[in-house]
Amino acid sequence: MEERYRLIISTILNAIGIRVEVERMLATGRIDLVAWLSRYIYVIELKLSNNGGIAAAEQQITTCGYTEPFKGDTRKVVGLAVELDSEGKGLIDWKVVEEQ
């Protein structure tokens, strides 16, 4: 189910002209989505409600240092933890992950 959400979100972002990288590999893990805008870089981690939800997504961003590789860029880096319904009903909650 998470793969479907990832595909839908990346397709929508691409359709409105945002450059999106799906499943970017790092030494510490795999980022679900990276969206590159003119002034921001969004590092997005998706989690289903039955797989830890928003808390697990937030922890993965901070523990694995997902925002670190982008901090050399002049754009502001924003981590987004997103919780999605495991039954396919959509977005439950999201949270900006503060830098440590």
PDB file of N, CA and C in Angstrom:
ATOM      1  N   MET A   1       0.824  -1.191   0.000  1.00  0.00           N
ATOM      2  CA  MET A   1       0.000   0.000   0.000  1.00  0.00           C
ATOM      3  C   MET A   1       0.878   1.270   0.000  1.00  0.00           C
ATOM      4  N   GLU A   2       1.974   1.230   0.750  1.00  0.00           N
ATOM      5  CA  GLU A   2       2.855   2.404   0.805  1.00  0.00           C
ATOM      6  C   GLU A   2       3.416   2.735  -0.573  1.00  0.00           C
ATOM      7  N   GLU A   3       3.691   1.712  -1.373  1.00  0.00           N
ATOM      8  CA  GLU A   3       4.219   1.925  -2.719  1.00  0.00           C
ATOM      9  C   GLU A   3       3.208   2.675  -3.583  1.00  0.00           C
ATOM     10  N   ARG A   4       1.924   2.356  -3.410  1.00  0.00           N
ATOM     11  CA  ARG A   4       0.877   3.049  -4.166  1.00  0.00           C
ATOM     12  C   ARG A   4       0.835   4.524  -3.805  1.00  0.00           C
ATOM     13  N   TYR A   5       0.892   4.802  -2.512  1.00  0.00           N
ATOM     14  CA  TYR A   5       0.904   6.197  -2.064  1.00  0.00           C
ATOM     15  C   TYR A   5       2.119   6.927  -2.639  1.00  0.00           C
ATOM     16  N   ARG A   6       3.264   6.282  -2.584  1.00  0.00           N
ATOM     17  CA  ARG A   6       4.492   6.885  -3.093  1.00  0.00           C
ATOM     18  C   ARG A   6       4.352   7.209  -4.583  1.00  0.00           C
ATOM     19  N   LEU A   7       3.788   6.286  -5.343  1.00  0.00           N
ATOM     20  CA  LEU A   7       3.581   6.493  -6.771  1.00  0.00           C
ATOM     21  C   LEU A   7       2.602   7.641  -7.035  1.00  0.00           C
ATOM     22  N   ILE A   8       1.510   7.672  -6.314  1.00  0.00           N
ATOM     23  CA  ILE A   8       0.510   8.732  -6.496  1.00  0.00           C
ATOM     24  C   ILE A   8       1.093  10.099  -6.161  1.00  0.00           C
ATOM     25  N   ILE A   9       1.768  10.198  -5.020  1.00  0.00           N
ATOM     26  CA  ILE A   9       2.345  11.481  -4.593  1.00  0.00           C
ATOM     27  C   ILE A   9       3.412  11.944  -5.583  1.00  0.00           C
ATOM     28  N   SER A  10       4.296  11.058  -5.988  1.00  0.00           N
ATOM     29  CA  SER A  10       5.355  11.456  -6.921  1.00  0.00           C
ATOM     30  C   SER A  10       4.775  11.856  -8.278  1.00  0.00           C
ATOM     31  N   THR A  11       3.739  11.187  -8.726  1.00  0.00           N
ATOM     32  CA  THR A  11       3.095  11.523  -9.994  1.00  0.00           C
ATOM     33  C   THR A  11       2.457  12.910  -9.937  1.00  0.00           C
ATOM     34  N   ILE A  12       1.776  13.213  -8.850  1.00  0.00           N
ATOM     35  CA  ILE A  12       1.150  14.529  -8.693  1.00  0.00           C
ATOM     36  C   ILE A  12       2.206  15.625  -8.645  1.00  0.00           C
ATOM     37  N   LEU A  13       3.264  15.410  -7.862  1.00  0.00           N
ATOM     38  CA  LEU A  13       4.319  16.413  -7.762  1.00  0.00           C
ATOM     39  C   LEU A  13       4.996  16.632  -9.119  1.00  0.00           C
ATOM     40  N   ASN A  14       5.266  15.566  -9.846  1.00  0.00           N
ATOM     41  CA  ASN A  14       5.842  15.684 -11.195  1.00  0.00           C
ATOM     42  C   ASN A  14       4.906  16.439 -12.125  1.00  0.00           C
ATOM     43  N   ALA A  15       3.610  16.170 -12.024  1.00  0.00           N
ATOM     44  CA  ALA A  15       2.624  16.807 -12.907  1.00  0.00           C
ATOM     45  C   ALA A  15       2.557  18.318 -12.704  1.00  0.00           C
ATOM     46  N   ILE A  16       2.855  18.780 -11.502  1.00  0.00           N
ATOM     47  CA  ILE A  16       2.821  20.232 -11.261  1.00  0.00           C
ATOM     48  C   ILE A  16       4.209  20.862 -11.389  1.00  0.00           C
ATOM     49  N   GLY A  17       5.149  20.089 -11.907  1.00  0.00           N
ATOM     50  CA  GLY A  17       6.453  20.646 -12.245  1.00  0.00           C
ATOM     51  C   GLY A  17       7.522  20.575 -11.179  1.00  0.00           C
ATOM     52  N   ILE A  18       7.308  19.773 -10.157  1.00  0.00           N
ATOM     53  CA  ILE A  18       8.298  19.625  -9.092  1.00  0.00           C
ATOM     54  C   ILE A  18       9.172  18.407  -9.395  1.00  0.00           C
ATOM     55  N   ARG A  19      10.474  18.598  -9.295  1.00  0.00           N
ATOM     56  CA  ARG A  19      11.407  17.479  -9.490  1.00  0.00           C
ATOM     57  C   ARG A  19      11.344  16.577  -8.266  1.00  0.00           C
ATOM     58  N   VAL A  20      11.117  15.302  -8.482  1.00  0.00           N
ATOM     59  CA  VAL A  20      10.963  14.348  -7.384  1.00  0.00           C
ATOM     60  C   VAL A  20      11.908  13.176  -7.588  1.00  0.00           C
ATOM     61  N   GLU A  21      12.537  12.787  -6.496  1.00  0.00           N
ATOM     62  CA  GLU A  21      13.385  11.602  -6.494  1.00  0.00           C
ATOM     63  C   GLU A  21      12.704  10.575  -5.582  1.00  0.00           C
ATOM     64  N   VAL A  22      12.489   9.377  -6.085  1.00  0.00           N
ATOM     65  CA  VAL A  22      11.788   8.333  -5.336  1.00  0.00           C
ATOM     66  C   VAL A  22      12.799   7.309  -4.862  1.00  0.00           C
ATOM     67  N   GLU A  23      12.671   6.926  -3.587  1.00  0.00           N
ATOM     68  CA  GLU A  23      13.523   5.915  -2.956  1.00  0.00           C
ATOM     69  C   GLU A  23      15.009   6.221  -3.125  1.00  0.00           C
ATOM     70  N   ARG A  24      15.421   7.380  -2.685  1.00  0.00           N
ATOM     71  CA  ARG A  24      16.840   7.767  -2.741  1.00  0.00           C
ATOM     72  C   ARG A  24      17.623   6.963  -1.700  1.00  0.00           C
ATOM     73  N   MET A  25      18.641   6.289  -2.150  1.00  0.00           N
ATOM     74  CA  MET A  25      19.451   5.449  -1.269  1.00  0.00           C
ATOM     75  C   MET A  25      20.529   6.261  -0.573  1.00  0.00           C
ATOM     76  N   LEU A  26      20.682   6.022   0.716  1.00  0.00           N
ATOM     77  CA  LEU A  26      21.772   6.561   1.527  1.00  0.00           C
ATOM     78  C   LEU A  26      22.433   5.381   2.221  1.00  0.00           C
ATOM     79  N   ALA A  27      23.570   5.622   2.795  1.00  0.00           N
ATOM     80  CA  ALA A  27      24.244   4.557   3.548  1.00  0.00           C
ATOM     81  C   ALA A  27      23.421   4.144   4.769  1.00  0.00           C
ATOM     82  N   THR A  28      22.579   5.060   5.264  1.00  0.00           N
ATOM     83  CA  THR A  28      21.806   4.794   6.477  1.00  0.00           C
ATOM     84  C   THR A  28      20.385   4.336   6.211  1.00  0.00           C
ATOM     85  N   GLY A  29      19.962   4.294   4.944  1.00  0.00           N
ATOM     86  CA  GLY A  29      18.601   3.859   4.639  1.00  0.00           C
ATOM     87  C   GLY A  29      18.133   4.373   3.293  1.00  0.00           C
ATOM     88  N   ARG A  30      16.826   4.326   3.092  1.00  0.00           N
ATOM     89  CA  ARG A  30      16.232   4.742   1.823  1.00  0.00           C
ATOM     90  C   ARG A  30      15.122   5.758   2.094  1.00  0.00           C
ATOM     91  N   ILE A  31      15.290   6.953   1.534  1.00  0.00           N
ATOM     92  CA  ILE A  31      14.302   8.017   1.685  1.00  0.00           C
ATOM     93  C   ILE A  31      13.168   7.749   0.701  1.00  0.00           C
ATOM     94  N   ASP A  32      11.927   7.836   1.160  1.00  0.00           N
ATOM     95  CA  ASP A  32      10.790   7.575   0.280  1.00  0.00           C
ATOM     96  C   ASP A  32      10.717   8.576  -0.867  1.00  0.00           C
ATOM     97  N   LEU A  33      10.715   9.872  -0.548  1.00  0.00           N
ATOM     98  CA  LEU A  33      10.608  10.912  -1.570  1.00  0.00           C
ATOM     99  C   LEU A  33      11.476  12.106  -1.219  1.00  0.00           C
ATOM    100  N   VAL A  34      12.113  12.676  -2.230  1.00  0.00           N
ATOM    101  CA  VAL A  34      12.809  13.950  -2.079  1.00  0.00           C
ATOM    102  C   VAL A  34      12.239  14.866  -3.150  1.00  0.00           C
ATOM    103  N   ALA A  35      11.672  15.992  -2.729  1.00  0.00           N
ATOM    104  CA  ALA A  35      11.094  16.961  -3.660  1.00  0.00           C
ATOM    105  C   ALA A  35      11.991  18.189  -3.692  1.00  0.00           C
ATOM    106  N   TRP A  36      12.430  18.558  -4.894  1.00  0.00           N
ATOM    107  CA  TRP A  36      13.359  19.665  -5.091  1.00  0.00           C
ATOM    108  C   TRP A  36      12.592  20.869  -5.637  1.00  0.00           C
ATOM    109  N   LEU A  37      12.475  21.928  -4.834  1.00  0.00           N
ATOM    110  CA  LEU A  37      11.836  23.159  -5.271  1.00  0.00           C
ATOM    111  C   LEU A  37      12.882  24.261  -5.346  1.00  0.00           C
ATOM    112  N   SER A  38      12.505  25.428  -5.797  1.00  0.00           N
ATOM    113  CA  SER A  38      13.482  26.512  -5.975  1.00  0.00           C
ATOM    114  C   SER A  38      14.074  26.987  -4.655  1.00  0.00           C
ATOM    115  N   ARG A  39      13.274  26.985  -3.576  1.00  0.00           N
ATOM    116  CA  ARG A  39      13.779  27.485  -2.291  1.00  0.00           C
ATOM    117  C   ARG A  39      13.825  26.426  -1.192  1.00  0.00           C
ATOM    118  N   TYR A  40      13.280  25.251  -1.470  1.00  0.00           N
ATOM    119  CA  TYR A  40      13.207  24.199  -0.444  1.00  0.00           C
ATOM    120  C   TYR A  40      13.561  22.837  -1.033  1.00  0.00           C
ATOM    121  N   ILE A  41      14.051  21.968  -0.152  1.00  0.00           N
ATOM    122  CA  ILE A  41      14.190  20.551  -0.462  1.00  0.00           C
ATOM    123  C   ILE A  41      13.386  19.824   0.616  1.00  0.00           C
ATOM    124  N   TYR A  42      12.386  19.078   0.188  1.00  0.00           N
ATOM    125  CA  TYR A  42      11.553  18.332   1.128  1.00  0.00           C
ATOM    126  C   TYR A  42      11.989  16.869   1.138  1.00  0.00           C
ATOM    127  N   VAL A  43      12.338  16.383   2.329  1.00  0.00           N
ATOM    128  CA  VAL A  43      12.701  14.989   2.534  1.00  0.00           C
ATOM    129  C   VAL A  43      11.488  14.348   3.205  1.00  0.00           C
ATOM    130  N   ILE A  44      10.821  13.455   2.482  1.00  0.00           N
ATOM    131  CA  ILE A  44       9.522  12.940   2.913  1.00  0.00           C
ATOM    132  C   ILE A  44       9.616  11.452   3.219  1.00  0.00           C
ATOM    133  N   GLU A  45       9.187  11.095   4.416  1.00  0.00           N
ATOM    134  CA  GLU A  45       9.128   9.695   4.826  1.00  0.00           C
ATOM    135  C   GLU A  45       7.668   9.331   5.051  1.00  0.00           C
ATOM    136  N   LEU A  46       7.198   8.300   4.356  1.00  0.00           N
ATOM    137  CA  LEU A  46       5.816   7.840   4.448  1.00  0.00           C
ATOM    138  C   LEU A  46       5.744   6.601   5.327  1.00  0.00           C
ATOM    139  N   LYS A  47       4.744   6.561   6.195  1.00  0.00           N
ATOM    140  CA  LYS A  47       4.502   5.367   7.009  1.00  0.00           C
ATOM    141  C   LYS A  47       3.007   5.124   7.090  1.00  0.00           C
ATOM    142  N   LEU A  48       2.632   3.870   6.974  1.00  0.00           N
ATOM    143  CA  LEU A  48       1.235   3.503   7.141  1.00  0.00           C
ATOM    144  C   LEU A  48       0.873   3.529   8.625  1.00  0.00           C
ATOM    145  N   SER A  49      -0.409   3.720   8.908  1.00  0.00           N
ATOM    146  CA  SER A  49      -0.860   3.788  10.302  1.00  0.00           C
ATOM    147  C   SER A  49      -0.600   2.479  11.043  1.00  0.00           C
ATOM    148  N   ASN A  50      -0.626   1.352  10.344  1.00  0.00           N
ATOM    149  CA  ASN A  50      -0.373   0.067  10.998  1.00  0.00           C
ATOM    150  C   ASN A  50       1.106  -0.304  11.025  1.00  0.00           C
ATOM    151  N   ASN A  51       1.965   0.639  10.599  1.00  0.00           N
ATOM    152  CA  ASN A  51       3.410   0.394  10.583  1.00  0.00           C
ATOM    153  C   ASN A  51       4.153   1.477  11.369  1.00  0.00           C
ATOM    154  N   GLY A  52       3.553   1.932  12.450  1.00  0.00           N
ATOM    155  CA  GLY A  52       4.204   2.919  13.306  1.00  0.00           C
ATOM    156  C   GLY A  52       3.747   4.339  13.089  1.00  0.00           C
ATOM    157  N   GLY A  53       3.160   4.621  11.950  1.00  0.00           N
ATOM    158  CA  GLY A  53       2.587   5.933  11.684  1.00  0.00           C
ATOM    159  C   GLY A  53       3.587   7.077  11.714  1.00  0.00           C
ATOM    160  N   ILE A  54       3.099   8.231  12.115  1.00  0.00           N
ATOM    161  CA  ILE A  54       3.889   9.463  12.071  1.00  0.00           C
ATOM    162  C   ILE A  54       5.099   9.405  13.005  1.00  0.00           C
ATOM    163  N   ALA A  55       4.962   8.743  14.140  1.00  0.00           N
ATOM    164  CA  ALA A  55       6.079   8.651  15.089  1.00  0.00           C
ATOM    165  C   ALA A  55       7.238   7.857  14.485  1.00  0.00           C
ATOM    166  N   ALA A  56       6.920   6.777  13.795  1.00  0.00           N
ATOM    167  CA  ALA A  56       7.962   5.959  13.163  1.00  0.00           C
ATOM    168  C   ALA A  56       8.630   6.704  12.015  1.00  0.00           C
ATOM    169  N   ALA A  57       7.852   7.459  11.255  1.00  0.00           N
ATOM    170  CA  ALA A  57       8.418   8.237  10.148  1.00  0.00           C
ATOM    171  C   ALA A  57       9.352   9.323  10.678  1.00  0.00           C
ATOM    172  N   GLU A  58       8.915  10.000  11.727  1.00  0.00           N
ATOM    173  CA  GLU A  58       9.746  11.045  12.335  1.00  0.00           C
ATOM    174  C   GLU A  58      11.044  10.461  12.885  1.00  0.00           C
ATOM    175  N   GLN A  59      10.933   9.351  13.572  1.00  0.00           N
ATOM    176  CA  GLN A  59      12.117   8.707  14.140  1.00  0.00           C
ATOM    177  C   GLN A  59      13.089   8.266  13.045  1.00  0.00           C
ATOM    178  N   GLN A  60      12.563   7.751  11.953  1.00  0.00           N
ATOM    179  CA  GLN A  60      13.427   7.293  10.861  1.00  0.00           C
ATOM    180  C   GLN A  60      14.185   8.463  10.230  1.00  0.00           C
ATOM    181  N   ILE A  61      13.521   9.594  10.060  1.00  0.00           N
ATOM    182  CA  ILE A  61      14.182  10.778   9.497  1.00  0.00           C
ATOM    183  C   ILE A  61      15.322  11.236  10.393  1.00  0.00           C
ATOM    184  N   THR A  62      15.079  11.300  11.695  1.00  0.00           N
ATOM    185  CA  THR A  62      16.108  11.803  12.608  1.00  0.00           C
ATOM    186  C   THR A  62      17.201  10.768  12.865  1.00  0.00           C
ATOM    187  N   THR A  63      16.823   9.521  13.119  1.00  0.00           N
ATOM    188  CA  THR A  63      17.798   8.479  13.430  1.00  0.00           C
ATOM    189  C   THR A  63      18.733   8.191  12.253  1.00  0.00           C
ATOM    190  N   CYS A  64      18.174   8.152  11.071  1.00  0.00           N
ATOM    191  CA  CYS A  64      18.969   7.825   9.878  1.00  0.00           C
ATOM    192  C   CYS A  64      19.617   9.052   9.240  1.00  0.00           C
ATOM    193  N   GLY A  65      19.368  10.228   9.785  1.00  0.00           N
ATOM    194  CA  GLY A  65      19.999  11.447   9.271  1.00  0.00           C
ATOM    195  C   GLY A  65      19.631  11.761   7.832  1.00  0.00           C
ATOM    196  N   TYR A  66      18.362  11.590   7.494  1.00  0.00           N
ATOM    197  CA  TYR A  66      17.926  11.762   6.106  1.00  0.00           C
ATOM    198  C   TYR A  66      18.097  13.182   5.574  1.00  0.00           C
ATOM    199  N   THR A  67      18.079  14.191   6.407  1.00  0.00           N
ATOM    200  CA  THR A  67      18.216  15.570   5.913  1.00  0.00           C
ATOM    201  C   THR A  67      19.675  15.990   5.754  1.00  0.00           C
ATOM    202  N   GLU A  68      20.593  15.273   6.373  1.00  0.00           N
ATOM    203  CA  GLU A  68      22.012  15.650   6.385  1.00  0.00           C
ATOM    204  C   GLU A  68      22.642  15.824   4.997  1.00  0.00           C
ATOM    205  N   PRO A  69      22.446  14.908   4.042  1.00  0.00           N
ATOM    206  CA  PRO A  69      23.131  15.043   2.753  1.00  0.00           C
ATOM    207  C   PRO A  69      22.751  16.297   1.967  1.00  0.00           C
ATOM    208  N   PHE A  70      21.663  16.938   2.334  1.00  0.00           N
ATOM    209  CA  PHE A  70      21.168  18.084   1.581  1.00  0.00           C
ATOM    210  C   PHE A  70      21.518  19.420   2.218  1.00  0.00           C
ATOM    211  N   LYS A  71      22.127  19.402   3.382  1.00  0.00           N
ATOM    212  CA  LYS A  71      22.392  20.642   4.113  1.00  0.00           C
ATOM    213  C   LYS A  71      23.472  21.513   3.479  1.00  0.00           C
ATOM    214  N   GLY A  72      24.249  20.981   2.557  1.00  0.00           N
ATOM    215  CA  GLY A  72      25.244  21.778   1.854  1.00  0.00           C
ATOM    216  C   GLY A  72      24.621  22.637   0.756  1.00  0.00           C
ATOM    217  N   ASP A  73      23.377  22.368   0.442  1.00  0.00           N
ATOM    218  CA  ASP A  73      22.654  23.116  -0.579  1.00  0.00           C
ATOM    219  C   ASP A  73      22.203  24.460   0.008  1.00  0.00           C
ATOM    220  N   THR A  74      22.017  25.449  -0.841  1.00  0.00           N
ATOM    221  CA  THR A  74      21.593  26.776  -0.370  1.00  0.00           C
ATOM    222  C   THR A  74      20.116  26.812   0.009  1.00  0.00           C
ATOM    223  N   ARG A  75      19.352  25.825  -0.436  1.00  0.00           N
ATOM    224  CA  ARG A  75      17.917  25.782  -0.130  1.00  0.00           C
ATOM    225  C   ARG A  75      17.683  25.277   1.290  1.00  0.00           C
ATOM    226  N   LYS A  76      16.533  25.643   1.839  1.00  0.00           N
ATOM    227  CA  LYS A  76      16.143  25.165   3.166  1.00  0.00           C
ATOM    228  C   LYS A  76      15.703  23.707   3.046  1.00  0.00           C
ATOM    229  N   VAL A  77      16.208  22.871   3.944  1.00  0.00           N
ATOM    230  CA  VAL A  77      15.869  21.452   3.949  1.00  0.00           C
ATOM    231  C   VAL A  77      14.781  21.212   4.996  1.00  0.00           C
ATOM    232  N   VAL A  78      13.691  20.578   4.575  1.00  0.00           N
ATOM    233  CA  VAL A  78      12.553  20.327   5.455  1.00  0.00           C
ATOM    234  C   VAL A  78      12.263  18.833   5.462  1.00  0.00           C
ATOM    235  N   GLY A  79      12.260  18.236   6.647  1.00  0.00           N
ATOM    236  CA  GLY A  79      11.872  16.836   6.785  1.00  0.00           C
ATOM    237  C   GLY A  79      10.378  16.761   7.040  1.00  0.00           C
ATOM    238  N   LEU A  80       9.683  15.888   6.339  1.00  0.00           N
ATOM    239  CA  LEU A  80       8.247  15.707   6.523  1.00  0.00           C
ATOM    240  C   LEU A  80       7.945  14.249   6.842  1.00  0.00           C
ATOM    241  N   ALA A  81       7.366  14.023   8.013  1.00  0.00           N
ATOM    242  CA  ALA A  81       6.901  12.696   8.392  1.00  0.00           C
ATOM    243  C   ALA A  81       5.414  12.642   8.047  1.00  0.00           C
ATOM    244  N   VAL A  82       5.013  11.638   7.281  1.00  0.00           N
ATOM    245  CA  VAL A  82       3.638  11.550   6.799  1.00  0.00           C
ATOM    246  C   VAL A  82       3.043  10.203   7.191  1.00  0.00           C
ATOM    247  N   GLU A  83       1.865  10.249   7.820  1.00  0.00           N
ATOM    248  CA  GLU A  83       1.143   9.027   8.182  1.00  0.00           C
ATOM    249  C   GLU A  83      -0.029   8.844   7.228  1.00  0.00           C
ATOM    250  N   LEU A  84      -0.117   7.644   6.655  1.00  0.00           N
ATOM    251  CA  LEU A  84      -1.153   7.326   5.678  1.00  0.00           C
ATOM    252  C   LEU A  84      -2.002   6.168   6.171  1.00  0.00           C
ATOM    253  N   ASP A  85      -3.263   6.164   5.766  1.00  0.00           N
ATOM    254  CA  ASP A  85      -4.184   5.117   6.168  1.00  0.00           C
ATOM    255  C   ASP A  85      -3.809   3.797   5.510  1.00  0.00           C
ATOM    256  N   SER A  86      -3.758   2.741   6.286  1.00  0.00           N
ATOM    257  CA  SER A  86      -3.354   1.433   5.768  1.00  0.00           C
ATOM    258  C   SER A  86      -4.435   0.783   4.913  1.00  0.00           C
ATOM    259  N   GLU A  87      -5.652   1.326   4.941  1.00  0.00           N
ATOM    260  CA  GLU A  87      -6.738   0.782   4.137  1.00  0.00           C
ATOM    261  C   GLU A  87      -6.940   1.558   2.839  1.00  0.00           C
ATOM    262  N   GLY A  88      -6.036   2.488   2.542  1.00  0.00           N
ATOM    263  CA  GLY A  88      -6.110   3.223   1.293  1.00  0.00           C
ATOM    264  C   GLY A  88      -7.021   4.432   1.300  1.00  0.00           C
ATOM    265  N   LYS A  89      -7.366   4.918   2.487  1.00  0.00           N
ATOM    266  CA  LYS A  89      -8.297   6.050   2.576  1.00  0.00           C
ATOM    267  C   LYS A  89      -7.603   7.406   2.594  1.00  0.00           C
ATOM    268  N   GLY A  90      -6.276   7.423   2.484  1.00  0.00           N
ATOM    269  CA  GLY A  90      -5.567   8.689   2.342  1.00  0.00           C
ATOM    270  C   GLY A  90      -4.744   9.121   3.532  1.00  0.00           C
ATOM    271  N   LEU A  91      -4.493  10.413   3.554  1.00  0.00           N
ATOM    272  CA  LEU A  91      -3.639  11.048   4.550  1.00  0.00           C
ATOM    273  C   LEU A  91      -4.319  11.079   5.921  1.00  0.00           C
ATOM    274  N   ILE A  92      -3.562  10.698   6.947  1.00  0.00           N
ATOM    275  CA  ILE A  92      -4.060  10.798   8.317  1.00  0.00           C
ATOM    276  C   ILE A  92      -3.468  12.018   8.993  1.00  0.00           C
ATOM    277  N   ASP A  93      -2.140  12.168   8.915  1.00  0.00           N
ATOM    278  CA  ASP A  93      -1.471  13.288   9.584  1.00  0.00           C
ATOM    279  C   ASP A  93      -0.092  13.495   8.973  1.00  0.00           C
ATOM    280  N   TRP A  94       0.478  14.656   9.213  1.00  0.00           N
ATOM    281  CA  TRP A  94       1.836  14.944   8.779  1.00  0.00           C
ATOM    282  C   TRP A  94       2.467  15.882   9.793  1.00  0.00           C
ATOM    283  N   LYS A  95       3.795  15.901   9.785  1.00  0.00           N
ATOM    284  CA  LYS A  95       4.522  16.711  10.766  1.00  0.00           C
ATOM    285  C   LYS A  95       5.871  17.133  10.177  1.00  0.00           C
ATOM    286  N   VAL A  96       6.229  18.387  10.414  1.00  0.00           N
ATOM    287  CA  VAL A  96       7.561  18.854  10.039  1.00  0.00           C
ATOM    288  C   VAL A  96       8.518  18.343  11.094  1.00  0.00           C
ATOM    289  N   VAL A  97       9.579  17.699  10.652  1.00  0.00           N
ATOM    290  CA  VAL A  97      10.579  17.143  11.562  1.00  0.00           C
ATOM    291  C   VAL A  97      11.650  18.203  11.758  1.00  0.00           C
ATOM    292  N   GLU A  98      11.783  18.660  12.989  1.00  0.00           N
ATOM    293  CA  GLU A  98      12.753  19.705  13.317  1.00  0.00           C
ATOM    294  C   GLU A  98      14.163  19.140  13.280  1.00  0.00           C
ATOM    295  N   GLU A  99      15.084  19.978  12.809  1.00  0.00           N
ATOM    296  CA  GLU A  99      16.485  19.573  12.747  1.00  0.00           C
ATOM    297  C   GLU A  99      17.052  19.475  14.160  1.00  0.00           C
ATOM    298  N   GLN A 100      17.919  18.511  14.342  1.00  0.00           N
ATOM    299  CA  GLN A 100      18.536  18.299  15.658  1.00  0.00           C
ATOM    300  C   GLN A 100      19.747  19.176  15.840  1.00  0.00           C
TER     301      GLN A 100
END
